[in-house]
Amino acid sequence: MNTLIITSIEQGLIFAVLAMGVFLTYKILDMPDLSVEGTFPFGAFLFARFVSMGIHPIISTLMAFGFGTLAGLCTATLFTKLKIKPILAGILTMTILYSVNLKTNGKSNVPLFNYSSIFHKGSILLILIVIVLLIKIILDLFLKTETGYLLIATGDNESLVRSLGESSNKYKLIGLMLANGLVALSGALMAQYQGFADMTMGNSIIVVALASIIIGDTIRKNSQILKNTTRVIIGAIIYKLIGGIAIDLGLNPNDLRAVNALIVIIFISYNNFAADFFKFGKSKGGEQIAKNN
């Protein structure tokens, strides 16, 4: 059981990087980006390509992040310049990346057991904690900058951004590039963790990210102590723990995707009904106060 918990936490931390990327588009920019299903394996295949060329695994991982931003650039270009709907732009980028991923290494599965990784001769859990905390801190600091505030404002009110003489498309571009860079970074970490890069890595990965974000939303939503990025990280860990425990209890791994979707449905429903409940409670309380007065 201890091994199961540690493994779930490790995978949860890797998916936390993915979720922080999707958080930028889903929660901050308020737009769907399905390109992540292609960007996640893109990061894995890029790492495999670079490390097989003799490049240090740390540099290979950072290069996966850098090239991953290009996927966001592709989606943003289709969306802002060619006026293609965001969801379709993401699907088109994902489709393009499918072919790119195959050409990167010339095959659909690349074993990495003979190559070193950032986890080589080190505690996997400790290294992942450091990486996730570092990304969280950098992301939190970025969102407090002028660019970060305008990025948030773009998702909330594009007209306000334009009234300030800024281009909202510019901040959509920044958000999509940063988001896809983090998703590719997560894919590179997962490839090193599991010892191979595979074309199927990105299948339904958007569900994992959304589940992490939605689960995180249920954790003290109005708390000023827990930042959004912190809730996303906790949500990713809880999500993987739920899946790990389900398999440990005898769930067929083939049914895991259905369980993943069910987890998302349950937590979305909880958030929706909880919000309605609290609104109802407040309105009833206000009516009672009015009657008493």
C-alpha atoms as a PDB file:
ATOM      1  CA  MET A   1       0.000   0.000   0.000  1.00  0.00           C
ATOM      2  CA  ASN A   2       2.875   2.379   0.800  1.00  0.00           C
ATOM      3  CA  THR A   3       4.344   1.740  -2.653  1.00  0.00           C
ATOM      4  CA  LEU A   4       0.961   2.471  -4.213  1.00  0.00           C
ATOM      5  CA  ILE A   5       0.677   5.783  -2.362  1.00  0.00           C
ATOM      6  CA  ILE A   6       4.203   6.887  -3.264  1.00  0.00           C
ATOM      7  CA  THR A   7       3.725   5.916  -6.914  1.00  0.00           C
ATOM      8  CA  SER A   8       0.386   7.773  -7.057  1.00  0.00           C
ATOM      9  CA  ILE A   9       1.942  10.890  -5.515  1.00  0.00           C
ATOM     10  CA  GLU A  10       4.852  10.771  -7.969  1.00  0.00           C
ATOM     11  CA  GLN A  11       2.520  10.475 -10.948  1.00  0.00           C
ATOM     12  CA  GLY A  12       0.258  13.115  -9.421  1.00  0.00           C
ATOM     13  CA  LEU A  13       3.182  15.557  -9.271  1.00  0.00           C
ATOM     14  CA  ILE A  14       3.995  14.925 -12.940  1.00  0.00           C
ATOM     15  CA  PHE A  15       0.368  15.526 -13.867  1.00  0.00           C
ATOM     16  CA  ALA A  16       0.367  18.641 -11.658  1.00  0.00           C
ATOM     17  CA  VAL A  17       2.744  20.232 -14.191  1.00  0.00           C
ATOM     18  CA  LEU A  18       0.283  19.272 -16.940  1.00  0.00           C
ATOM     19  CA  ALA A  19      -2.647  20.647 -14.933  1.00  0.00           C
ATOM     20  CA  MET A  20      -0.895  23.967 -14.243  1.00  0.00           C
ATOM     21  CA  GLY A  21      -0.471  24.347 -17.996  1.00  0.00           C
ATOM     22  CA  VAL A  22      -4.112  23.577 -18.762  1.00  0.00           C
ATOM     23  CA  PHE A  23      -5.115  25.842 -15.853  1.00  0.00           C
ATOM     24  CA  LEU A  24      -3.738  28.806 -17.839  1.00  0.00           C
ATOM     25  CA  THR A  25      -6.060  28.176 -20.775  1.00  0.00           C
ATOM     26  CA  TYR A  26      -9.085  26.617 -19.067  1.00  0.00           C
ATOM     27  CA  LYS A  27      -9.366  28.847 -15.997  1.00  0.00           C
ATOM     28  CA  ILE A  28      -7.442  32.017 -16.801  1.00  0.00           C
ATOM     29  CA  LEU A  29      -8.010  32.501 -20.548  1.00  0.00           C
ATOM     30  CA  ASP A  30     -11.382  30.720 -20.353  1.00  0.00           C
ATOM     31  CA  MET A  31     -10.859  28.875 -23.625  1.00  0.00           C
ATOM     32  CA  PRO A  32     -10.649  25.173 -24.516  1.00  0.00           C
ATOM     33  CA  ASP A  33      -7.320  23.895 -25.839  1.00  0.00           C
ATOM     34  CA  LEU A  34      -7.399  20.301 -27.056  1.00  0.00           C
ATOM     35  CA  SER A  35      -3.918  20.566 -28.547  1.00  0.00           C
ATOM     36  CA  VAL A  36      -2.550  19.310 -25.212  1.00  0.00           C
ATOM     37  CA  GLU A  37      -3.416  15.738 -26.254  1.00  0.00           C
ATOM     38  CA  GLY A  38      -0.763  16.111 -28.924  1.00  0.00           C
ATOM     39  CA  THR A  39       1.609  18.319 -26.923  1.00  0.00           C
ATOM     40  CA  PHE A  40       1.965  15.837 -24.046  1.00  0.00           C
ATOM     41  CA  PRO A  41       3.450  13.017 -26.189  1.00  0.00           C
ATOM     42  CA  PHE A  42       5.259  15.715 -28.223  1.00  0.00           C
ATOM     43  CA  GLY A  43       7.271  16.580 -25.103  1.00  0.00           C
ATOM     44  CA  ALA A  44       7.987  12.900 -24.487  1.00  0.00           C
ATOM     45  CA  PHE A  45       9.164  12.260 -28.051  1.00  0.00           C
ATOM     46  CA  LEU A  46      11.266  15.427 -28.084  1.00  0.00           C
ATOM     47  CA  PHE A  47      13.021  14.348 -24.896  1.00  0.00           C
ATOM     48  CA  ALA A  48      13.615  10.890 -26.375  1.00  0.00           C
ATOM     49  CA  ARG A  49      15.079  12.428 -29.514  1.00  0.00           C
ATOM     50  CA  PHE A  50      17.370  14.846 -27.711  1.00  0.00           C
ATOM     51  CA  VAL A  51      18.636  12.405 -25.085  1.00  0.00           C
ATOM     52  CA  SER A  52      19.356   9.784 -27.765  1.00  0.00           C
ATOM     53  CA  MET A  53      21.545  12.392 -29.464  1.00  0.00           C
ATOM     54  CA  GLY A  54      23.702  12.561 -26.351  1.00  0.00           C
ATOM     55  CA  ILE A  55      22.241  15.770 -24.932  1.00  0.00           C
ATOM     56  CA  HIS A  56      22.130  15.965 -21.115  1.00  0.00           C
ATOM     57  CA  PRO A  57      18.690  14.946 -19.752  1.00  0.00           C
ATOM     58  CA  ILE A  58      18.202  18.258 -17.922  1.00  0.00           C
ATOM     59  CA  ILE A  59      18.848  20.228 -21.117  1.00  0.00           C
ATOM     60  CA  SER A  60      16.687  17.771 -23.078  1.00  0.00           C
ATOM     61  CA  THR A  61      13.832  18.334 -20.629  1.00  0.00           C
ATOM     62  CA  LEU A  62      14.140  22.124 -20.897  1.00  0.00           C
ATOM     63  CA  MET A  63      14.287  21.870 -24.690  1.00  0.00           C
ATOM     64  CA  ALA A  64      11.057  19.849 -24.619  1.00  0.00           C
ATOM     65  CA  PHE A  65       9.460  22.786 -22.788  1.00  0.00           C
ATOM     66  CA  GLY A  66      10.852  25.258 -25.311  1.00  0.00           C
ATOM     67  CA  PHE A  67       9.691  23.324 -28.374  1.00  0.00           C
ATOM     68  CA  GLY A  68       6.376  22.633 -26.673  1.00  0.00           C
ATOM     69  CA  THR A  69       5.611  26.353 -26.701  1.00  0.00           C
ATOM     70  CA  LEU A  70       5.598  26.125 -30.502  1.00  0.00           C
ATOM     71  CA  ALA A  71       2.482  23.950 -30.294  1.00  0.00           C
ATOM     72  CA  GLY A  72       0.803  26.790 -28.438  1.00  0.00           C
ATOM     73  CA  LEU A  73       2.074  29.205 -31.078  1.00  0.00           C
ATOM     74  CA  CYS A  74       0.470  27.034 -33.781  1.00  0.00           C
ATOM     75  CA  THR A  75      -2.888  26.967 -31.985  1.00  0.00           C
ATOM     76  CA  ALA A  76      -2.764  30.708 -31.289  1.00  0.00           C
ATOM     77  CA  THR A  77      -1.941  31.473 -34.925  1.00  0.00           C
ATOM     78  CA  LEU A  78      -4.862  29.375 -36.185  1.00  0.00           C
ATOM     79  CA  PHE A  79      -7.137  31.035 -33.640  1.00  0.00           C
ATOM     80  CA  THR A  80      -6.087  34.697 -33.797  1.00  0.00           C
ATOM     81  CA  LYS A  81      -4.826  35.063 -37.369  1.00  0.00           C
ATOM     82  CA  LEU A  82      -6.969  32.609 -39.335  1.00  0.00           C
ATOM     83  CA  LYS A  83     -10.072  33.129 -37.155  1.00  0.00           C
ATOM     84  CA  ILE A  84     -10.551  29.409 -36.537  1.00  0.00           C
ATOM     85  CA  LYS A  85     -12.588  28.566 -33.443  1.00  0.00           C
ATOM     86  CA  PRO A  86     -10.358  27.726 -30.407  1.00  0.00           C
ATOM     87  CA  ILE A  87     -11.615  24.169 -29.995  1.00  0.00           C
ATOM     88  CA  LEU A  88     -11.096  23.399 -33.708  1.00  0.00           C
ATOM     89  CA  ALA A  89      -7.687  25.121 -33.700  1.00  0.00           C
ATOM     90  CA  GLY A  90      -6.627  22.845 -30.858  1.00  0.00           C
ATOM     91  CA  ILE A  91      -7.861  19.737 -32.661  1.00  0.00           C
ATOM     92  CA  LEU A  92      -5.974  20.746 -35.814  1.00  0.00           C
ATOM     93  CA  THR A  93      -2.757  21.306 -33.859  1.00  0.00           C
ATOM     94  CA  MET A  94      -3.220  17.943 -32.132  1.00  0.00           C
ATOM     95  CA  THR A  95      -3.667  16.279 -35.544  1.00  0.00           C
ATOM     96  CA  ILE A  96      -0.531  17.931 -36.911  1.00  0.00           C
ATOM     97  CA  LEU A  97       1.460  16.861 -33.843  1.00  0.00           C
ATOM     98  CA  TYR A  98       0.416  13.241 -34.363  1.00  0.00           C
ATOM     99  CA  SER A  99       2.430  13.143 -37.586  1.00  0.00           C
ATOM    100  CA  VAL A 100       5.238  15.231 -36.094  1.00  0.00           C
ATOM    101  CA  ASN A 101       5.557  12.822 -33.167  1.00  0.00           C
ATOM    102  CA  LEU A 102       5.886   9.851 -35.527  1.00  0.00           C
ATOM    103  CA  LYS A 103       8.555  11.598 -37.586  1.00  0.00           C
ATOM    104  CA  THR A 104      10.537  12.790 -34.550  1.00  0.00           C
ATOM    105  CA  ASN A 105      11.900   9.320 -33.782  1.00  0.00           C
ATOM    106  CA  GLY A 106      10.590   7.315 -36.722  1.00  0.00           C
ATOM    107  CA  LYS A 107       8.453   4.988 -34.588  1.00  0.00           C
ATOM    108  CA  SER A 108       5.461   5.062 -32.255  1.00  0.00           C
ATOM    109  CA  ASN A 109       7.251   3.703 -29.181  1.00  0.00           C
ATOM    110  CA  VAL A 110      10.736   4.688 -28.024  1.00  0.00           C
ATOM    111  CA  PRO A 111      12.307   2.817 -25.047  1.00  0.00           C
ATOM    112  CA  LEU A 112      14.511   4.997 -22.824  1.00  0.00           C
ATOM    113  CA  PHE A 113      15.884   2.463 -20.348  1.00  0.00           C
ATOM    114  CA  ASN A 114      19.381   2.711 -21.853  1.00  0.00           C
ATOM    115  CA  TYR A 115      19.532   6.487 -21.426  1.00  0.00           C
ATOM    116  CA  SER A 116      20.015   8.563 -18.307  1.00  0.00           C
ATOM    117  CA  SER A 117      17.271  10.793 -16.927  1.00  0.00           C
ATOM    118  CA  ILE A 118      16.913  13.579 -14.386  1.00  0.00           C
ATOM    119  CA  PHE A 119      15.829  10.880 -11.918  1.00  0.00           C
ATOM    120  CA  HIS A 120      19.084   8.945 -12.354  1.00  0.00           C
ATOM    121  CA  LYS A 121      20.702   8.167  -8.996  1.00  0.00           C
ATOM    122  CA  GLY A 122      18.257  10.354  -7.088  1.00  0.00           C
ATOM    123  CA  SER A 123      15.016  10.207  -5.155  1.00  0.00           C
ATOM    124  CA  ILE A 124      12.229  10.473  -7.735  1.00  0.00           C
ATOM    125  CA  LEU A 125       9.737  11.884  -5.228  1.00  0.00           C
ATOM    126  CA  LEU A 126      12.131  14.539  -3.913  1.00  0.00           C
ATOM    127  CA  ILE A 127      13.171  15.638  -7.416  1.00  0.00           C
ATOM    128  CA  LEU A 128       9.538  15.915  -8.528  1.00  0.00           C
ATOM    129  CA  ILE A 129       8.601  17.931  -5.436  1.00  0.00           C
ATOM    130  CA  VAL A 130      11.426  20.386  -6.164  1.00  0.00           C
ATOM    131  CA  ILE A 131      10.440  20.681  -9.857  1.00  0.00           C
ATOM    132  CA  VAL A 132       6.740  21.216  -9.123  1.00  0.00           C
ATOM    133  CA  LEU A 133       7.396  23.770  -6.370  1.00  0.00           C
ATOM    134  CA  LEU A 134       9.823  25.643  -8.606  1.00  0.00           C
ATOM    135  CA  ILE A 135       7.289  25.783 -11.462  1.00  0.00           C
ATOM    136  CA  LYS A 136       4.532  26.845  -9.047  1.00  0.00           C
ATOM    137  CA  ILE A 137       6.630  29.672  -7.602  1.00  0.00           C
ATOM    138  CA  ILE A 138       7.687  30.927 -11.038  1.00  0.00           C
ATOM    139  CA  LEU A 139       4.085  30.762 -12.310  1.00  0.00           C
ATOM    140  CA  ASP A 140       2.732  32.580  -9.251  1.00  0.00           C
ATOM    141  CA  LEU A 141       5.354  35.318  -9.630  1.00  0.00           C
ATOM    142  CA  PHE A 142       4.615  35.591 -13.358  1.00  0.00           C
ATOM    143  CA  LEU A 143       0.885  36.056 -12.727  1.00  0.00           C
ATOM    144  CA  LYS A 144       1.709  38.974 -10.408  1.00  0.00           C
ATOM    145  CA  THR A 145       3.614  40.825 -13.124  1.00  0.00           C
ATOM    146  CA  GLU A 146       2.001  43.353 -15.464  1.00  0.00           C
ATOM    147  CA  THR A 147       1.951  40.733 -18.232  1.00  0.00           C
ATOM    148  CA  GLY A 148       0.377  38.240 -15.841  1.00  0.00           C
ATOM    149  CA  TYR A 149      -2.345  40.665 -14.783  1.00  0.00           C
ATOM    150  CA  LEU A 150      -3.136  41.472 -18.415  1.00  0.00           C
ATOM    151  CA  LEU A 151      -3.237  37.747 -19.177  1.00  0.00           C
ATOM    152  CA  ILE A 152      -5.816  37.298 -16.414  1.00  0.00           C
ATOM    153  CA  ALA A 153      -7.713  40.362 -17.613  1.00  0.00           C
ATOM    154  CA  THR A 154      -7.834  38.927 -21.154  1.00  0.00           C
ATOM    155  CA  GLY A 155      -9.771  35.938 -19.855  1.00  0.00           C
ATOM    156  CA  ASP A 156     -12.050  38.105 -17.706  1.00  0.00           C
ATOM    157  CA  ASN A 157     -12.694  41.089 -19.962  1.00  0.00           C
ATOM    158  CA  GLU A 158     -11.064  41.478 -23.384  1.00  0.00           C
ATOM    159  CA  SER A 159     -12.656  44.893 -23.858  1.00  0.00           C
ATOM    160  CA  LEU A 160     -10.837  46.193 -20.793  1.00  0.00           C
ATOM    161  CA  VAL A 161      -7.501  45.017 -22.179  1.00  0.00           C
ATOM    162  CA  ARG A 162      -8.177  46.679 -25.528  1.00  0.00           C
ATOM    163  CA  SER A 163      -9.237  49.890 -23.786  1.00  0.00           C
ATOM    164  CA  LEU A 164      -5.771  49.984 -22.202  1.00  0.00           C
ATOM    165  CA  GLY A 165      -4.236  50.011 -25.668  1.00  0.00           C
ATOM    166  CA  GLU A 166      -3.121  46.381 -25.467  1.00  0.00           C
ATOM    167  CA  SER A 167      -3.847  43.527 -27.862  1.00  0.00           C
ATOM    168  CA  SER A 168      -5.822  40.711 -26.247  1.00  0.00           C
ATOM    169  CA  ASN A 169      -4.527  38.346 -28.954  1.00  0.00           C
ATOM    170  CA  LYS A 170      -0.987  38.974 -27.721  1.00  0.00           C
ATOM    171  CA  TYR A 171      -1.863  37.647 -24.273  1.00  0.00           C
ATOM    172  CA  LYS A 172      -3.776  34.708 -25.693  1.00  0.00           C
ATOM    173  CA  LEU A 173      -0.597  33.863 -27.582  1.00  0.00           C
ATOM    174  CA  ILE A 174       1.502  34.112 -24.409  1.00  0.00           C
ATOM    175  CA  GLY A 175      -0.972  32.001 -22.439  1.00  0.00           C
ATOM    176  CA  LEU A 176      -1.228  29.263 -25.065  1.00  0.00           C
ATOM    177  CA  MET A 177       2.538  29.075 -25.563  1.00  0.00           C
ATOM    178  CA  LEU A 178       3.258  28.906 -21.834  1.00  0.00           C
ATOM    179  CA  ALA A 179       0.478  26.356 -21.288  1.00  0.00           C
ATOM    180  CA  ASN A 180       1.676  24.029 -24.036  1.00  0.00           C
ATOM    181  CA  GLY A 181       5.272  24.404 -22.891  1.00  0.00           C
ATOM    182  CA  LEU A 182       4.284  23.134 -19.443  1.00  0.00           C
ATOM    183  CA  VAL A 183       2.263  20.285 -20.967  1.00  0.00           C
ATOM    184  CA  ALA A 184       5.265  19.229 -23.076  1.00  0.00           C
ATOM    185  CA  LEU A 185       7.473  19.453 -19.975  1.00  0.00           C
ATOM    186  CA  SER A 186       5.054  17.150 -18.163  1.00  0.00           C
ATOM    187  CA  GLY A 187       5.231  14.714 -21.089  1.00  0.00           C
ATOM    188  CA  ALA A 188       9.047  14.743 -20.939  1.00  0.00           C
ATOM    189  CA  LEU A 189       8.938  14.016 -17.200  1.00  0.00           C
ATOM    190  CA  MET A 190       6.470  11.156 -17.708  1.00  0.00           C
ATOM    191  CA  ALA A 191       8.647   9.613 -20.439  1.00  0.00           C
ATOM    192  CA  GLN A 192      11.615   9.593 -18.055  1.00  0.00           C
ATOM    193  CA  TYR A 193       9.491   8.284 -15.203  1.00  0.00           C
ATOM    194  CA  GLN A 194       8.013   5.328 -17.103  1.00  0.00           C
ATOM    195  CA  GLY A 195      11.082   4.676 -19.270  1.00  0.00           C
ATOM    196  CA  PHE A 196       9.545   5.110 -22.719  1.00  0.00           C
ATOM    197  CA  ALA A 197       7.720   7.525 -24.995  1.00  0.00           C
ATOM    198  CA  ASP A 198       4.582   6.270 -26.687  1.00  0.00           C
ATOM    199  CA  MET A 199       2.002   7.700 -29.093  1.00  0.00           C
ATOM    200  CA  THR A 200      -0.879   6.747 -26.804  1.00  0.00           C
ATOM    201  CA  MET A 201       0.449   8.845 -23.902  1.00  0.00           C
ATOM    202  CA  GLY A 202      -1.749  11.783 -24.873  1.00  0.00           C
ATOM    203  CA  ASN A 203      -5.020   9.857 -25.144  1.00  0.00           C
ATOM    204  CA  SER A 204      -7.606  11.445 -22.819  1.00  0.00           C
ATOM    205  CA  ILE A 205      -4.852  13.436 -21.081  1.00  0.00           C
ATOM    206  CA  ILE A 206      -7.115  16.499 -21.153  1.00  0.00           C
ATOM    207  CA  VAL A 207      -9.473  14.612 -18.812  1.00  0.00           C
ATOM    208  CA  VAL A 208      -6.625  14.117 -16.333  1.00  0.00           C
ATOM    209  CA  ALA A 209      -5.838  17.838 -16.395  1.00  0.00           C
ATOM    210  CA  LEU A 210      -9.466  18.925 -16.045  1.00  0.00           C
ATOM    211  CA  ALA A 211     -10.062  16.424 -13.252  1.00  0.00           C
ATOM    212  CA  SER A 212      -7.072  17.827 -11.348  1.00  0.00           C
ATOM    213  CA  ILE A 213      -8.320  21.400 -11.770  1.00  0.00           C
ATOM    214  CA  ILE A 214     -11.917  20.562 -10.846  1.00  0.00           C
ATOM    215  CA  ILE A 215     -10.921  18.510  -7.797  1.00  0.00           C
ATOM    216  CA  GLY A 216      -8.671  21.372  -6.736  1.00  0.00           C
ATOM    217  CA  ASP A 217     -11.630  23.756  -7.061  1.00  0.00           C
ATOM    218  CA  THR A 218     -13.469  21.885  -4.300  1.00  0.00           C
ATOM    219  CA  ILE A 219     -10.635  22.507  -1.803  1.00  0.00           C
ATOM    220  CA  ARG A 220     -11.482  25.598   0.228  1.00  0.00           C
ATOM    221  CA  LYS A 221     -12.453  27.557  -2.832  1.00  0.00           C
ATOM    222  CA  ASN A 222     -12.790  30.860  -0.980  1.00  0.00           C
ATOM    223  CA  SER A 223      -9.588  30.423   0.987  1.00  0.00           C
ATOM    224  CA  GLN A 224      -7.057  33.246   0.686  1.00  0.00           C
ATOM    225  CA  ILE A 225      -4.308  30.939   1.944  1.00  0.00           C
ATOM    226  CA  LEU A 226      -4.319  28.366  -0.842  1.00  0.00           C
ATOM    227  CA  LYS A 227      -3.400  29.777  -4.233  1.00  0.00           C
ATOM    228  CA  ASN A 228      -5.020  28.405  -7.387  1.00  0.00           C
ATOM    229  CA  THR A 229      -1.788  26.687  -8.407  1.00  0.00           C
ATOM    230  CA  THR A 230      -1.602  25.002  -5.000  1.00  0.00           C
ATOM    231  CA  ARG A 231      -5.136  23.670  -5.386  1.00  0.00           C
ATOM    232  CA  VAL A 232      -4.297  22.372  -8.862  1.00  0.00           C
ATOM    233  CA  ILE A 233      -1.288  20.458  -7.490  1.00  0.00           C
ATOM    234  CA  ILE A 234      -3.309  18.985  -4.626  1.00  0.00           C
ATOM    235  CA  GLY A 235      -6.111  18.102  -7.061  1.00  0.00           C
ATOM    236  CA  ALA A 236      -3.700  16.208  -9.339  1.00  0.00           C
ATOM    237  CA  ILE A 237      -2.334  14.188  -6.413  1.00  0.00           C
ATOM    238  CA  ILE A 238      -5.823  13.371  -5.095  1.00  0.00           C
ATOM    239  CA  TYR A 239      -6.913  12.354  -8.590  1.00  0.00           C
ATOM    240  CA  LYS A 240      -4.046   9.891  -8.982  1.00  0.00           C
ATOM    241  CA  LEU A 241      -4.579   8.554  -5.459  1.00  0.00           C
ATOM    242  CA  ILE A 242      -8.232   7.830  -6.280  1.00  0.00           C
ATOM    243  CA  GLY A 243      -7.225   5.966  -9.452  1.00  0.00           C
ATOM    244  CA  GLY A 244      -4.446   4.072  -7.667  1.00  0.00           C
ATOM    245  CA  ILE A 245      -6.716   2.979  -4.839  1.00  0.00           C
ATOM    246  CA  ALA A 246      -9.400   1.891  -7.344  1.00  0.00           C
ATOM    247  CA  ILE A 247      -6.891  -0.378  -9.133  1.00  0.00           C
ATOM    248  CA  ASP A 248      -5.607  -1.699  -5.802  1.00  0.00           C
ATOM    249  CA  LEU A 249      -9.189  -2.647  -4.885  1.00  0.00           C
ATOM    250  CA  GLY A 250      -9.447  -4.777  -8.011  1.00  0.00           C
ATOM    251  CA  LEU A 251     -10.578  -2.394 -10.753  1.00  0.00           C
ATOM    252  CA  ASN A 252      -9.725  -3.604 -14.239  1.00  0.00           C
ATOM    253  CA  PRO A 253      -7.156  -1.154 -15.697  1.00  0.00           C
ATOM    254  CA  ASN A 254      -9.170  -1.219 -18.941  1.00  0.00           C
ATOM    255  CA  ASP A 255     -12.013   0.469 -17.058  1.00  0.00           C
ATOM    256  CA  LEU A 256      -9.814   3.246 -15.675  1.00  0.00           C
ATOM    257  CA  ARG A 257     -10.710   5.791 -18.366  1.00  0.00           C
ATOM    258  CA  ALA A 258     -14.399   5.379 -17.623  1.00  0.00           C
ATOM    259  CA  VAL A 259     -13.623   5.867 -13.927  1.00  0.00           C
ATOM    260  CA  ASN A 260     -11.586   8.974 -14.795  1.00  0.00           C
ATOM    261  CA  ALA A 261     -14.553  10.466 -16.644  1.00  0.00           C
ATOM    262  CA  LEU A 262     -16.833   9.512 -13.748  1.00  0.00           C
ATOM    263  CA  ILE A 263     -14.528  11.309 -11.290  1.00  0.00           C
ATOM    264  CA  VAL A 264     -14.767  14.480 -13.385  1.00  0.00           C
ATOM    265  CA  ILE A 265     -18.581  14.202 -13.574  1.00  0.00           C
ATOM    266  CA  ILE A 266     -18.886  13.690  -9.810  1.00  0.00           C
ATOM    267  CA  PHE A 267     -16.703  16.654  -8.879  1.00  0.00           C
ATOM    268  CA  ILE A 268     -18.282  18.980 -11.475  1.00  0.00           C
ATOM    269  CA  SER A 269     -21.721  18.023 -10.180  1.00  0.00           C
ATOM    270  CA  TYR A 270     -20.585  18.557  -6.607  1.00  0.00           C
ATOM    271  CA  ASN A 271     -19.221  22.017  -7.420  1.00  0.00           C
ATOM    272  CA  ASN A 272     -22.388  22.993  -9.288  1.00  0.00           C
ATOM    273  CA  PHE A 273     -24.847  21.741  -6.666  1.00  0.00           C
ATOM    274  CA  ALA A 274     -22.730  23.081  -3.805  1.00  0.00           C
ATOM    275  CA  ALA A 275     -22.719  26.528  -5.419  1.00  0.00           C
ATOM    276  CA  ASP A 276     -26.520  26.406  -5.875  1.00  0.00           C
ATOM    277  CA  PHE A 277     -26.945  25.201  -2.281  1.00  0.00           C
ATOM    278  CA  PHE A 278     -24.913  28.048  -0.831  1.00  0.00           C
ATOM    279  CA  LYS A 279     -26.746  30.603  -2.985  1.00  0.00           C
ATOM    280  CA  PHE A 280     -30.061  29.167  -1.806  1.00  0.00           C
ATOM    281  CA  GLY A 281     -28.883  29.254   1.808  1.00  0.00           C
ATOM    282  CA  LYS A 282     -27.783  32.861   1.534  1.00  0.00           C
ATOM    283  CA  SER A 283     -31.036  33.949  -0.125  1.00  0.00           C
ATOM    284  CA  LYS A 284     -33.133  32.178   2.535  1.00  0.00           C
ATOM    285  CA  GLY A 285     -30.981  33.739   5.234  1.00  0.00           C
ATOM    286  CA  GLY A 286     -31.477  37.181   3.703  1.00  0.00           C
ATOM    287  CA  GLU A 287     -35.239  36.668   3.548  1.00  0.00           C
ATOM    288  CA  GLN A 288     -35.291  35.588   7.196  1.00  0.00           C
ATOM    289  CA  ILE A 289     -33.338  38.671   8.254  1.00  0.00           C
ATOM    290  CA  ALA A 290     -35.706  40.905   6.298  1.00  0.00           C
ATOM    291  CA  LYS A 291     -38.710  39.302   8.004  1.00  0.00           C
ATOM    292  CA  ASN A 292     -37.161  39.725  11.437  1.00  0.00           C
ATOM    293  CA  ASN A 293     -36.544  43.396  10.740  1.00  0.00           C
END
